[in-house]
ModelCIF file with pLDDT and N, C-alpha, C, O atoms, coordinates in Angstrom:
data_MODEL
#
_entry.id   MODEL 
#
_entity.id                         1 
_entity.type                       polymer 
_entity.pdbx_number_of_molecules   1 
#
_entity_poly.entity_id                      1 
_entity_poly.type                           'polypeptide(L)' 
_entity_poly.nstd_linkage                   no 
_entity_poly.nstd_monomer                   no 
_entity_poly.pdbx_seq_one_letter_code       
;(UNK)(UNK)(UNK)(UNK)(UNK)(UNK)(UNK)(UNK)(UNK)(UNK)(UNK)(UNK)(UNK)(UNK)(UNK)(UNK)
(UNK)(UNK)(UNK)(UNK)(UNK)(UNK)(UNK)(UNK)(UNK)(UNK)(UNK)(UNK)(UNK)(UNK)(UNK)(UNK)
(UNK)(UNK)(UNK)(UNK)(UNK)(UNK)(UNK)(UNK)(UNK)(UNK)(UNK)(UNK)(UNK)(UNK)(UNK)(UNK)
;
_entity_poly.pdbx_seq_one_letter_code_can   XXXXXXXXXXXXXXXXXXXXXXXXXXXXXXXXXXXXXXXXXXXXXXXX 
_entity_poly.pdbx_strand_id                 A 
#
loop_
_entity_poly_seq.entity_id 
_entity_poly_seq.num 
_entity_poly_seq.mon_id 
_entity_poly_seq.hetero 
1 1  UNK n 
1 2  UNK n 
1 3  UNK n 
1 4  UNK n 
1 5  UNK n 
1 6  UNK n 
1 7  UNK n 
1 8  UNK n 
1 9  UNK n 
1 10 UNK n 
1 11 UNK n 
1 12 UNK n 
1 13 UNK n 
1 14 UNK n 
1 15 UNK n 
1 16 UNK n 
1 17 UNK n 
1 18 UNK n 
1 19 UNK n 
1 20 UNK n 
1 21 UNK n 
1 22 UNK n 
1 23 UNK n 
1 24 UNK n 
1 25 UNK n 
1 26 UNK n 
1 27 UNK n 
1 28 UNK n 
1 29 UNK n 
1 30 UNK n 
1 31 UNK n 
1 32 UNK n 
1 33 UNK n 
1 34 UNK n 
1 35 UNK n 
1 36 UNK n 
1 37 UNK n 
1 38 UNK n 
1 39 UNK n 
1 40 UNK n 
1 41 UNK n 
1 42 UNK n 
1 43 UNK n 
1 44 UNK n 
1 45 UNK n 
1 46 UNK n 
1 47 UNK n 
1 48 UNK n 
#
_struct_asym.id          A 
_struct_asym.entity_id   1 
#
loop_
_ma_qa_metric.id 
_ma_qa_metric.mode 
_ma_qa_metric.name 
_ma_qa_metric.software_group_id 
_ma_qa_metric.type 
1 global pLDDT . pLDDT 
2 local  pLDDT . pLDDT 
#
_ma_qa_metric_global.metric_id      1 
_ma_qa_metric_global.metric_value   79.04 
_ma_qa_metric_global.model_id       1 
_ma_qa_metric_global.ordinal_id     1 
#
loop_
_ma_qa_metric_local.label_asym_id 
_ma_qa_metric_local.label_comp_id 
_ma_qa_metric_local.label_seq_id 
_ma_qa_metric_local.metric_id 
_ma_qa_metric_local.metric_value 
_ma_qa_metric_local.model_id 
_ma_qa_metric_local.ordinal_id 
A UNK 1  2 91.00 1 1  
A UNK 2  2 89.00 1 2  
A UNK 3  2 89.00 1 3  
A UNK 4  2 87.00 1 4  
A UNK 5  2 88.00 1 5  
A UNK 6  2 89.00 1 6  
A UNK 7  2 90.00 1 7  
A UNK 8  2 91.00 1 8  
A UNK 9  2 92.00 1 9  
A UNK 10 2 92.00 1 10 
A UNK 11 2 91.00 1 11 
A UNK 12 2 89.00 1 12 
A UNK 13 2 89.00 1 13 
A UNK 14 2 88.00 1 14 
A UNK 15 2 87.00 1 15 
A UNK 16 2 83.00 1 16 
A UNK 17 2 79.00 1 17 
A UNK 18 2 77.00 1 18 
A UNK 19 2 77.00 1 19 
A UNK 20 2 73.00 1 20 
A UNK 21 2 73.00 1 21 
A UNK 22 2 75.00 1 22 
A UNK 23 2 68.00 1 23 
A UNK 24 2 65.00 1 24 
A UNK 25 2 69.00 1 25 
A UNK 26 2 71.00 1 26 
A UNK 27 2 65.00 1 27 
A UNK 28 2 64.00 1 28 
A UNK 29 2 60.00 1 29 
A UNK 30 2 56.00 1 30 
A UNK 31 2 54.00 1 31 
A UNK 32 2 52.00 1 32 
A UNK 33 2 55.00 1 33 
A UNK 34 2 59.00 1 34 
A UNK 35 2 67.00 1 35 
A UNK 36 2 72.00 1 36 
A UNK 37 2 78.00 1 37 
A UNK 38 2 81.00 1 38 
A UNK 39 2 81.00 1 39 
A UNK 40 2 84.00 1 40 
A UNK 41 2 85.00 1 41 
A UNK 42 2 87.00 1 42 
A UNK 43 2 88.00 1 43 
A UNK 44 2 90.00 1 44 
A UNK 45 2 90.00 1 45 
A UNK 46 2 90.00 1 46 
A UNK 47 2 91.00 1 47 
A UNK 48 2 93.00 1 48 
#
loop_
_atom_site.group_PDB 
_atom_site.id 
_atom_site.type_symbol 
_atom_site.label_atom_id 
_atom_site.label_alt_id 
_atom_site.label_comp_id 
_atom_site.label_asym_id 
_atom_site.label_entity_id 
_atom_site.label_seq_id 
_atom_site.pdbx_PDB_ins_code 
_atom_site.Cartn_x 
_atom_site.Cartn_y 
_atom_site.Cartn_z 
_atom_site.occupancy 
_atom_site.B_iso_or_equiv 
_atom_site.pdbx_formal_charge 
_atom_site.auth_seq_id 
_atom_site.auth_comp_id 
_atom_site.auth_asym_id 
_atom_site.auth_atom_id 
_atom_site.pdbx_PDB_model_num 
ATOM 1   N N  . UNK A 1 1  ? 137.431 119.662 -19.373 1.00 91.00 ? 1  UNK A N  1 
ATOM 2   C CA . UNK A 1 1  ? 138.464 118.656 -19.503 1.00 91.00 ? 1  UNK A CA 1 
ATOM 3   C C  . UNK A 1 1  ? 138.128 117.404 -18.756 1.00 91.00 ? 1  UNK A C  1 
ATOM 4   O O  . UNK A 1 1  ? 138.917 116.464 -18.657 1.00 91.00 ? 1  UNK A O  1 
ATOM 5   N N  . UNK A 1 2  ? 136.667 117.428 -18.120 1.00 89.00 ? 2  UNK A N  1 
ATOM 6   C CA . UNK A 1 2  ? 136.602 115.960 -17.438 1.00 89.00 ? 2  UNK A CA 1 
ATOM 7   C C  . UNK A 1 2  ? 136.013 114.814 -18.498 1.00 89.00 ? 2  UNK A C  1 
ATOM 8   O O  . UNK A 1 2  ? 136.517 113.693 -18.557 1.00 89.00 ? 2  UNK A O  1 
ATOM 9   N N  . UNK A 1 3  ? 134.792 115.259 -19.398 1.00 89.00 ? 3  UNK A N  1 
ATOM 10  C CA . UNK A 1 3  ? 134.130 114.728 -20.035 1.00 89.00 ? 3  UNK A CA 1 
ATOM 11  C C  . UNK A 1 3  ? 133.721 115.309 -21.389 1.00 89.00 ? 3  UNK A C  1 
ATOM 12  O O  . UNK A 1 3  ? 133.736 116.537 -21.467 1.00 89.00 ? 3  UNK A O  1 
ATOM 13  N N  . UNK A 1 4  ? 133.390 114.668 -22.374 1.00 87.00 ? 4  UNK A N  1 
ATOM 14  C CA . UNK A 1 4  ? 133.223 115.453 -23.812 1.00 87.00 ? 4  UNK A CA 1 
ATOM 15  C C  . UNK A 1 4  ? 131.901 116.142 -23.369 1.00 87.00 ? 4  UNK A C  1 
ATOM 16  O O  . UNK A 1 4  ? 131.934 117.356 -23.571 1.00 87.00 ? 4  UNK A O  1 
ATOM 17  N N  . UNK A 1 5  ? 130.951 115.767 -22.916 1.00 88.00 ? 5  UNK A N  1 
ATOM 18  C CA . UNK A 1 5  ? 129.647 116.534 -22.375 1.00 88.00 ? 5  UNK A CA 1 
ATOM 19  C C  . UNK A 1 5  ? 130.020 117.678 -21.583 1.00 88.00 ? 5  UNK A C  1 
ATOM 20  O O  . UNK A 1 5  ? 129.154 118.548 -21.497 1.00 88.00 ? 5  UNK A O  1 
ATOM 21  N N  . UNK A 1 6  ? 131.161 117.887 -20.958 1.00 89.00 ? 6  UNK A N  1 
ATOM 22  C CA . UNK A 1 6  ? 131.032 119.086 -20.318 1.00 89.00 ? 6  UNK A CA 1 
ATOM 23  C C  . UNK A 1 6  ? 131.353 120.217 -20.752 1.00 89.00 ? 6  UNK A C  1 
ATOM 24  O O  . UNK A 1 6  ? 131.483 121.190 -20.008 1.00 89.00 ? 6  UNK A O  1 
ATOM 25  N N  . UNK A 1 7  ? 131.529 120.251 -22.034 1.00 90.00 ? 7  UNK A N  1 
ATOM 26  C CA . UNK A 1 7  ? 131.656 121.525 -22.809 1.00 90.00 ? 7  UNK A CA 1 
ATOM 27  C C  . UNK A 1 7  ? 130.356 122.389 -22.688 1.00 90.00 ? 7  UNK A C  1 
ATOM 28  O O  . UNK A 1 7  ? 130.278 123.609 -22.548 1.00 90.00 ? 7  UNK A O  1 
ATOM 29  N N  . UNK A 1 8  ? 129.331 121.437 -22.777 1.00 91.00 ? 8  UNK A N  1 
ATOM 30  C CA . UNK A 1 8  ? 127.916 122.031 -23.142 1.00 91.00 ? 8  UNK A CA 1 
ATOM 31  C C  . UNK A 1 8  ? 127.714 123.273 -22.148 1.00 91.00 ? 8  UNK A C  1 
ATOM 32  O O  . UNK A 1 8  ? 126.981 124.220 -22.433 1.00 91.00 ? 8  UNK A O  1 
ATOM 33  N N  . UNK A 1 9  ? 128.449 123.171 -20.935 1.00 92.00 ? 9  UNK A N  1 
ATOM 34  C CA . UNK A 1 9  ? 128.215 124.157 -19.971 1.00 92.00 ? 9  UNK A CA 1 
ATOM 35  C C  . UNK A 1 9  ? 128.925 125.295 -20.387 1.00 92.00 ? 9  UNK A C  1 
ATOM 36  O O  . UNK A 1 9  ? 128.485 126.379 -20.004 1.00 92.00 ? 9  UNK A O  1 
ATOM 37  N N  . UNK A 1 10 ? 129.980 125.277 -21.126 1.00 92.00 ? 10 UNK A N  1 
ATOM 38  C CA . UNK A 1 10 ? 130.696 126.643 -21.535 1.00 92.00 ? 10 UNK A CA 1 
ATOM 39  C C  . UNK A 1 10 ? 129.950 127.133 -22.773 1.00 92.00 ? 10 UNK A C  1 
ATOM 40  O O  . UNK A 1 10 ? 129.868 128.326 -23.064 1.00 92.00 ? 10 UNK A O  1 
ATOM 41  N N  . UNK A 1 11 ? 129.443 126.198 -23.443 1.00 91.00 ? 11 UNK A N  1 
ATOM 42  C CA . UNK A 1 11 ? 128.671 126.926 -24.750 1.00 91.00 ? 11 UNK A CA 1 
ATOM 43  C C  . UNK A 1 11 ? 127.377 127.615 -24.195 1.00 91.00 ? 11 UNK A C  1 
ATOM 44  O O  . UNK A 1 11 ? 126.964 128.537 -24.898 1.00 91.00 ? 11 UNK A O  1 
ATOM 45  N N  . UNK A 1 12 ? 126.903 127.428 -23.441 1.00 89.00 ? 12 UNK A N  1 
ATOM 46  C CA . UNK A 1 12 ? 125.543 127.849 -22.848 1.00 89.00 ? 12 UNK A CA 1 
ATOM 47  C C  . UNK A 1 12 ? 125.960 129.207 -22.170 1.00 89.00 ? 12 UNK A C  1 
ATOM 48  O O  . UNK A 1 12 ? 125.236 130.190 -22.326 1.00 89.00 ? 12 UNK A O  1 
ATOM 49  N N  . UNK A 1 13 ? 127.207 129.290 -21.358 1.00 89.00 ? 13 UNK A N  1 
ATOM 50  C CA . UNK A 1 13 ? 127.433 130.110 -20.877 1.00 89.00 ? 13 UNK A CA 1 
ATOM 51  C C  . UNK A 1 13 ? 127.742 131.395 -21.710 1.00 89.00 ? 13 UNK A C  1 
ATOM 52  O O  . UNK A 1 13 ? 127.326 132.532 -21.484 1.00 89.00 ? 13 UNK A O  1 
ATOM 53  N N  . UNK A 1 14 ? 128.611 130.951 -22.784 1.00 88.00 ? 14 UNK A N  1 
ATOM 54  C CA . UNK A 1 14 ? 129.328 131.819 -23.807 1.00 88.00 ? 14 UNK A CA 1 
ATOM 55  C C  . UNK A 1 14 ? 128.007 132.571 -24.583 1.00 88.00 ? 14 UNK A C  1 
ATOM 56  O O  . UNK A 1 14 ? 127.894 133.793 -24.690 1.00 88.00 ? 14 UNK A O  1 
ATOM 57  N N  . UNK A 1 15 ? 126.985 131.518 -25.125 1.00 87.00 ? 15 UNK A N  1 
ATOM 58  C CA . UNK A 1 15 ? 125.985 131.840 -25.737 1.00 87.00 ? 15 UNK A CA 1 
ATOM 59  C C  . UNK A 1 15 ? 124.928 132.837 -24.991 1.00 87.00 ? 15 UNK A C  1 
ATOM 60  O O  . UNK A 1 15 ? 124.453 133.726 -25.698 1.00 87.00 ? 15 UNK A O  1 
ATOM 61  N N  . UNK A 1 16 ? 124.585 132.781 -23.851 1.00 83.00 ? 16 UNK A N  1 
ATOM 62  C CA . UNK A 1 16 ? 123.692 133.213 -23.060 1.00 83.00 ? 16 UNK A CA 1 
ATOM 63  C C  . UNK A 1 16 ? 124.088 134.587 -22.974 1.00 83.00 ? 16 UNK A C  1 
ATOM 64  O O  . UNK A 1 16 ? 123.337 135.521 -23.255 1.00 83.00 ? 16 UNK A O  1 
ATOM 65  N N  . UNK A 1 17 ? 125.553 134.734 -22.492 1.00 79.00 ? 17 UNK A N  1 
ATOM 66  C CA . UNK A 1 17 ? 126.134 136.141 -22.232 1.00 79.00 ? 17 UNK A CA 1 
ATOM 67  C C  . UNK A 1 17 ? 126.090 137.157 -23.570 1.00 79.00 ? 17 UNK A C  1 
ATOM 68  O O  . UNK A 1 17 ? 125.937 138.377 -23.503 1.00 79.00 ? 17 UNK A O  1 
ATOM 69  N N  . UNK A 1 18 ? 126.245 136.439 -24.695 1.00 77.00 ? 18 UNK A N  1 
ATOM 70  C CA . UNK A 1 18 ? 126.382 136.902 -25.877 1.00 77.00 ? 18 UNK A CA 1 
ATOM 71  C C  . UNK A 1 18 ? 125.012 137.132 -26.390 1.00 77.00 ? 18 UNK A C  1 
ATOM 72  O O  . UNK A 1 18 ? 124.842 138.060 -27.181 1.00 77.00 ? 18 UNK A O  1 
ATOM 73  N N  . UNK A 1 19 ? 124.128 136.473 -26.068 1.00 77.00 ? 19 UNK A N  1 
ATOM 74  C CA . UNK A 1 19 ? 122.570 136.463 -26.554 1.00 77.00 ? 19 UNK A CA 1 
ATOM 75  C C  . UNK A 1 19 ? 122.121 137.920 -25.654 1.00 77.00 ? 19 UNK A C  1 
ATOM 76  O O  . UNK A 1 19 ? 121.692 138.906 -26.253 1.00 77.00 ? 19 UNK A O  1 
ATOM 77  N N  . UNK A 1 20 ? 122.237 137.901 -24.601 1.00 73.00 ? 20 UNK A N  1 
ATOM 78  C CA . UNK A 1 20 ? 121.391 138.843 -23.667 1.00 73.00 ? 20 UNK A CA 1 
ATOM 79  C C  . UNK A 1 20 ? 122.280 140.174 -24.190 1.00 73.00 ? 20 UNK A C  1 
ATOM 80  O O  . UNK A 1 20 ? 121.500 141.089 -24.456 1.00 73.00 ? 20 UNK A O  1 
ATOM 81  N N  . UNK A 1 21 ? 123.359 140.462 -24.363 1.00 73.00 ? 21 UNK A N  1 
ATOM 82  C CA . UNK A 1 21 ? 124.271 141.447 -24.748 1.00 73.00 ? 21 UNK A CA 1 
ATOM 83  C C  . UNK A 1 21 ? 123.605 141.779 -25.992 1.00 73.00 ? 21 UNK A C  1 
ATOM 84  O O  . UNK A 1 21 ? 123.395 142.991 -26.048 1.00 73.00 ? 21 UNK A O  1 
ATOM 85  N N  . UNK A 1 22 ? 123.160 141.085 -27.106 1.00 75.00 ? 22 UNK A N  1 
ATOM 86  C CA . UNK A 1 22 ? 122.641 141.410 -28.421 1.00 75.00 ? 22 UNK A CA 1 
ATOM 87  C C  . UNK A 1 22 ? 121.438 142.148 -28.187 1.00 75.00 ? 22 UNK A C  1 
ATOM 88  O O  . UNK A 1 22 ? 121.265 143.347 -28.405 1.00 75.00 ? 22 UNK A O  1 
ATOM 89  N N  . UNK A 1 23 ? 120.518 141.215 -27.662 1.00 68.00 ? 23 UNK A N  1 
ATOM 90  C CA . UNK A 1 23 ? 119.257 141.451 -26.890 1.00 68.00 ? 23 UNK A CA 1 
ATOM 91  C C  . UNK A 1 23 ? 118.839 143.079 -26.297 1.00 68.00 ? 23 UNK A C  1 
ATOM 92  O O  . UNK A 1 23 ? 117.830 143.765 -26.457 1.00 68.00 ? 23 UNK A O  1 
ATOM 93  N N  . UNK A 1 24 ? 119.951 143.279 -25.651 1.00 65.00 ? 24 UNK A N  1 
ATOM 94  C CA . UNK A 1 24 ? 119.680 144.460 -24.907 1.00 65.00 ? 24 UNK A CA 1 
ATOM 95  C C  . UNK A 1 24 ? 120.127 145.711 -25.718 1.00 65.00 ? 24 UNK A C  1 
ATOM 96  O O  . UNK A 1 24 ? 119.744 146.855 -25.475 1.00 65.00 ? 24 UNK A O  1 
ATOM 97  N N  . UNK A 1 25 ? 121.154 145.284 -26.907 1.00 69.00 ? 25 UNK A N  1 
ATOM 98  C CA . UNK A 1 25 ? 121.386 146.390 -27.942 1.00 69.00 ? 25 UNK A CA 1 
ATOM 99  C C  . UNK A 1 25 ? 120.401 146.746 -28.484 1.00 69.00 ? 25 UNK A C  1 
ATOM 100 O O  . UNK A 1 25 ? 120.099 147.936 -28.568 1.00 69.00 ? 25 UNK A O  1 
ATOM 101 N N  . UNK A 1 26 ? 119.510 145.538 -29.090 1.00 71.00 ? 26 UNK A N  1 
ATOM 102 C CA . UNK A 1 26 ? 118.338 145.528 -30.102 1.00 71.00 ? 26 UNK A CA 1 
ATOM 103 C C  . UNK A 1 26 ? 117.145 146.190 -29.274 1.00 71.00 ? 26 UNK A C  1 
ATOM 104 O O  . UNK A 1 26 ? 116.397 146.986 -29.842 1.00 71.00 ? 26 UNK A O  1 
ATOM 105 N N  . UNK A 1 27 ? 116.998 145.914 -28.146 1.00 65.00 ? 27 UNK A N  1 
ATOM 106 C CA . UNK A 1 27 ? 115.820 146.593 -27.326 1.00 65.00 ? 27 UNK A CA 1 
ATOM 107 C C  . UNK A 1 27 ? 116.345 147.251 -26.075 1.00 65.00 ? 27 UNK A C  1 
ATOM 108 O O  . UNK A 1 27 ? 116.108 146.737 -24.982 1.00 65.00 ? 27 UNK A O  1 
ATOM 109 N N  . UNK A 1 28 ? 117.079 148.412 -26.183 1.00 64.00 ? 28 UNK A N  1 
ATOM 110 C CA . UNK A 1 28 ? 117.859 149.003 -25.276 1.00 64.00 ? 28 UNK A CA 1 
ATOM 111 C C  . UNK A 1 28 ? 116.739 149.575 -24.005 1.00 64.00 ? 28 UNK A C  1 
ATOM 112 O O  . UNK A 1 28 ? 117.063 149.689 -22.823 1.00 64.00 ? 28 UNK A O  1 
ATOM 113 N N  . UNK A 1 29 ? 115.619 149.834 -24.468 1.00 60.00 ? 29 UNK A N  1 
ATOM 114 C CA . UNK A 1 29 ? 114.507 150.211 -23.375 1.00 60.00 ? 29 UNK A CA 1 
ATOM 115 C C  . UNK A 1 29 ? 114.200 149.219 -22.190 1.00 60.00 ? 29 UNK A C  1 
ATOM 116 O O  . UNK A 1 29 ? 113.824 149.517 -21.056 1.00 60.00 ? 29 UNK A O  1 
ATOM 117 N N  . UNK A 1 30 ? 114.385 148.287 -22.584 1.00 56.00 ? 30 UNK A N  1 
ATOM 118 C CA . UNK A 1 30 ? 113.866 146.669 -22.088 1.00 56.00 ? 30 UNK A CA 1 
ATOM 119 C C  . UNK A 1 30 ? 114.956 146.635 -20.720 1.00 56.00 ? 30 UNK A C  1 
ATOM 120 O O  . UNK A 1 30 ? 116.085 147.124 -20.751 1.00 56.00 ? 30 UNK A O  1 
ATOM 121 N N  . UNK A 1 31 ? 114.341 145.942 -19.525 1.00 54.00 ? 31 UNK A N  1 
ATOM 122 C CA . UNK A 1 31 ? 115.232 145.857 -18.598 1.00 54.00 ? 31 UNK A CA 1 
ATOM 123 C C  . UNK A 1 31 ? 116.247 144.562 -18.806 1.00 54.00 ? 31 UNK A C  1 
ATOM 124 O O  . UNK A 1 31 ? 115.939 143.383 -18.979 1.00 54.00 ? 31 UNK A O  1 
ATOM 125 N N  . UNK A 1 32 ? 117.680 145.232 -18.725 1.00 52.00 ? 32 UNK A N  1 
ATOM 126 C CA . UNK A 1 32 ? 118.730 144.185 -19.085 1.00 52.00 ? 32 UNK A CA 1 
ATOM 127 C C  . UNK A 1 32 ? 118.654 142.962 -17.937 1.00 52.00 ? 32 UNK A C  1 
ATOM 128 O O  . UNK A 1 32 ? 118.308 143.056 -16.759 1.00 52.00 ? 32 UNK A O  1 
ATOM 129 N N  . UNK A 1 33 ? 119.084 141.813 -18.668 1.00 55.00 ? 33 UNK A N  1 
ATOM 130 C CA . UNK A 1 33 ? 119.217 140.665 -17.621 1.00 55.00 ? 33 UNK A CA 1 
ATOM 131 C C  . UNK A 1 33 ? 120.667 140.766 -17.340 1.00 55.00 ? 33 UNK A C  1 
ATOM 132 O O  . UNK A 1 33 ? 121.608 140.604 -18.116 1.00 55.00 ? 33 UNK A O  1 
ATOM 133 N N  . UNK A 1 34 ? 120.668 141.130 -15.803 1.00 59.00 ? 34 UNK A N  1 
ATOM 134 C CA . UNK A 1 34 ? 122.328 141.331 -15.335 1.00 59.00 ? 34 UNK A CA 1 
ATOM 135 C C  . UNK A 1 34 ? 122.757 142.582 -15.966 1.00 59.00 ? 34 UNK A C  1 
ATOM 136 O O  . UNK A 1 34 ? 122.110 143.269 -16.757 1.00 59.00 ? 34 UNK A O  1 
ATOM 137 N N  . UNK A 1 35 ? 124.048 142.805 -15.466 1.00 67.00 ? 35 UNK A N  1 
ATOM 138 C CA . UNK A 1 35 ? 124.736 144.343 -15.696 1.00 67.00 ? 35 UNK A CA 1 
ATOM 139 C C  . UNK A 1 35 ? 125.490 143.606 -16.789 1.00 67.00 ? 35 UNK A C  1 
ATOM 140 O O  . UNK A 1 35 ? 125.450 142.411 -17.082 1.00 67.00 ? 35 UNK A O  1 
ATOM 141 N N  . UNK A 1 36 ? 126.318 144.788 -17.421 1.00 72.00 ? 36 UNK A N  1 
ATOM 142 C CA . UNK A 1 36 ? 127.241 144.434 -18.389 1.00 72.00 ? 36 UNK A CA 1 
ATOM 143 C C  . UNK A 1 36 ? 128.515 143.669 -18.087 1.00 72.00 ? 36 UNK A C  1 
ATOM 144 O O  . UNK A 1 36 ? 129.099 142.961 -18.908 1.00 72.00 ? 36 UNK A O  1 
ATOM 145 N N  . UNK A 1 37 ? 128.866 143.863 -16.921 1.00 78.00 ? 37 UNK A N  1 
ATOM 146 C CA . UNK A 1 37 ? 129.879 142.964 -16.283 1.00 78.00 ? 37 UNK A CA 1 
ATOM 147 C C  . UNK A 1 37 ? 129.556 141.590 -15.918 1.00 78.00 ? 37 UNK A C  1 
ATOM 148 O O  . UNK A 1 37 ? 130.463 140.770 -16.057 1.00 78.00 ? 37 UNK A O  1 
ATOM 149 N N  . UNK A 1 38 ? 128.480 141.206 -15.497 1.00 81.00 ? 38 UNK A N  1 
ATOM 150 C CA . UNK A 1 38 ? 127.948 139.722 -15.612 1.00 81.00 ? 38 UNK A CA 1 
ATOM 151 C C  . UNK A 1 38 ? 128.034 139.114 -16.858 1.00 81.00 ? 38 UNK A C  1 
ATOM 152 O O  . UNK A 1 38 ? 128.583 138.067 -17.202 1.00 81.00 ? 38 UNK A O  1 
ATOM 153 N N  . UNK A 1 39 ? 127.305 140.072 -17.572 1.00 81.00 ? 39 UNK A N  1 
ATOM 154 C CA . UNK A 1 39 ? 127.425 139.204 -19.334 1.00 81.00 ? 39 UNK A CA 1 
ATOM 155 C C  . UNK A 1 39 ? 128.597 138.979 -19.446 1.00 81.00 ? 39 UNK A C  1 
ATOM 156 O O  . UNK A 1 39 ? 128.912 137.790 -19.393 1.00 81.00 ? 39 UNK A O  1 
ATOM 157 N N  . UNK A 1 40 ? 129.624 139.933 -19.629 1.00 84.00 ? 40 UNK A N  1 
ATOM 158 C CA . UNK A 1 40 ? 130.993 139.542 -20.194 1.00 84.00 ? 40 UNK A CA 1 
ATOM 159 C C  . UNK A 1 40 ? 131.730 138.525 -19.491 1.00 84.00 ? 40 UNK A C  1 
ATOM 160 O O  . UNK A 1 40 ? 132.631 137.852 -19.991 1.00 84.00 ? 40 UNK A O  1 
ATOM 161 N N  . UNK A 1 41 ? 131.233 138.426 -18.104 1.00 85.00 ? 41 UNK A N  1 
ATOM 162 C CA . UNK A 1 41 ? 132.161 137.394 -17.131 1.00 85.00 ? 41 UNK A CA 1 
ATOM 163 C C  . UNK A 1 41 ? 131.301 135.992 -17.454 1.00 85.00 ? 41 UNK A C  1 
ATOM 164 O O  . UNK A 1 41 ? 131.690 134.971 -16.888 1.00 85.00 ? 41 UNK A O  1 
ATOM 165 N N  . UNK A 1 42 ? 130.283 135.921 -18.240 1.00 87.00 ? 42 UNK A N  1 
ATOM 166 C CA . UNK A 1 42 ? 129.654 134.727 -18.563 1.00 87.00 ? 42 UNK A CA 1 
ATOM 167 C C  . UNK A 1 42 ? 130.015 134.257 -19.989 1.00 87.00 ? 42 UNK A C  1 
ATOM 168 O O  . UNK A 1 42 ? 129.912 133.074 -20.314 1.00 87.00 ? 42 UNK A O  1 
ATOM 169 N N  . UNK A 1 43 ? 130.520 135.396 -20.980 1.00 88.00 ? 43 UNK A N  1 
ATOM 170 C CA . UNK A 1 43 ? 131.059 135.245 -22.121 1.00 88.00 ? 43 UNK A CA 1 
ATOM 171 C C  . UNK A 1 43 ? 132.499 134.650 -22.012 1.00 88.00 ? 43 UNK A C  1 
ATOM 172 O O  . UNK A 1 43 ? 132.857 133.658 -22.646 1.00 88.00 ? 43 UNK A O  1 
ATOM 173 N N  . UNK A 1 44 ? 133.222 135.290 -21.220 1.00 90.00 ? 44 UNK A N  1 
ATOM 174 C CA . UNK A 1 44 ? 134.575 134.993 -20.868 1.00 90.00 ? 44 UNK A CA 1 
ATOM 175 C C  . UNK A 1 44 ? 134.972 133.713 -20.419 1.00 90.00 ? 44 UNK A C  1 
ATOM 176 O O  . UNK A 1 44 ? 135.958 133.076 -20.790 1.00 90.00 ? 44 UNK A O  1 
ATOM 177 N N  . UNK A 1 45 ? 133.994 133.349 -19.465 1.00 90.00 ? 45 UNK A N  1 
ATOM 178 C CA . UNK A 1 45 ? 133.969 132.164 -18.877 1.00 90.00 ? 45 UNK A CA 1 
ATOM 179 C C  . UNK A 1 45 ? 133.864 131.071 -19.816 1.00 90.00 ? 45 UNK A C  1 
ATOM 180 O O  . UNK A 1 45 ? 134.598 130.084 -19.771 1.00 90.00 ? 45 UNK A O  1 
ATOM 181 N N  . UNK A 1 46 ? 132.831 131.273 -20.775 1.00 90.00 ? 46 UNK A N  1 
ATOM 182 C CA . UNK A 1 46 ? 132.425 130.053 -21.787 1.00 90.00 ? 46 UNK A CA 1 
ATOM 183 C C  . UNK A 1 46 ? 133.233 129.930 -22.736 1.00 90.00 ? 46 UNK A C  1 
ATOM 184 O O  . UNK A 1 46 ? 133.434 128.856 -23.304 1.00 90.00 ? 46 UNK A O  1 
ATOM 185 N N  . UNK A 1 47 ? 133.927 131.262 -23.092 1.00 91.00 ? 47 UNK A N  1 
ATOM 186 C CA . UNK A 1 47 ? 135.204 131.068 -24.045 1.00 91.00 ? 47 UNK A CA 1 
ATOM 187 C C  . UNK A 1 47 ? 136.386 130.278 -23.527 1.00 91.00 ? 47 UNK A C  1 
ATOM 188 O O  . UNK A 1 47 ? 136.981 129.499 -24.272 1.00 91.00 ? 47 UNK A O  1 
ATOM 189 N N  . UNK A 1 48 ? 136.754 130.471 -22.214 1.00 93.00 ? 48 UNK A N  1 
ATOM 190 C CA . UNK A 1 48 ? 137.731 129.442 -21.656 1.00 93.00 ? 48 UNK A CA 1 
ATOM 191 C C  . UNK A 1 48 ? 137.437 128.406 -21.728 1.00 93.00 ? 48 UNK A C  1 
ATOM 192 O O  . UNK A 1 48 ? 138.178 127.523 -21.298 1.00 93.00 ? 48 UNK A O  1 
#
């Protein structure tokens, strides 16, 4: 709400949470980056 470029942080939060979740599904044996709760939190925060 502050400046136009401020949305970049929301985009990064949403895309990183979503991306890490997809990577963990594709490579389930790899060590996940954060737990599922954290990834969902980043996605929801970015979406808002």
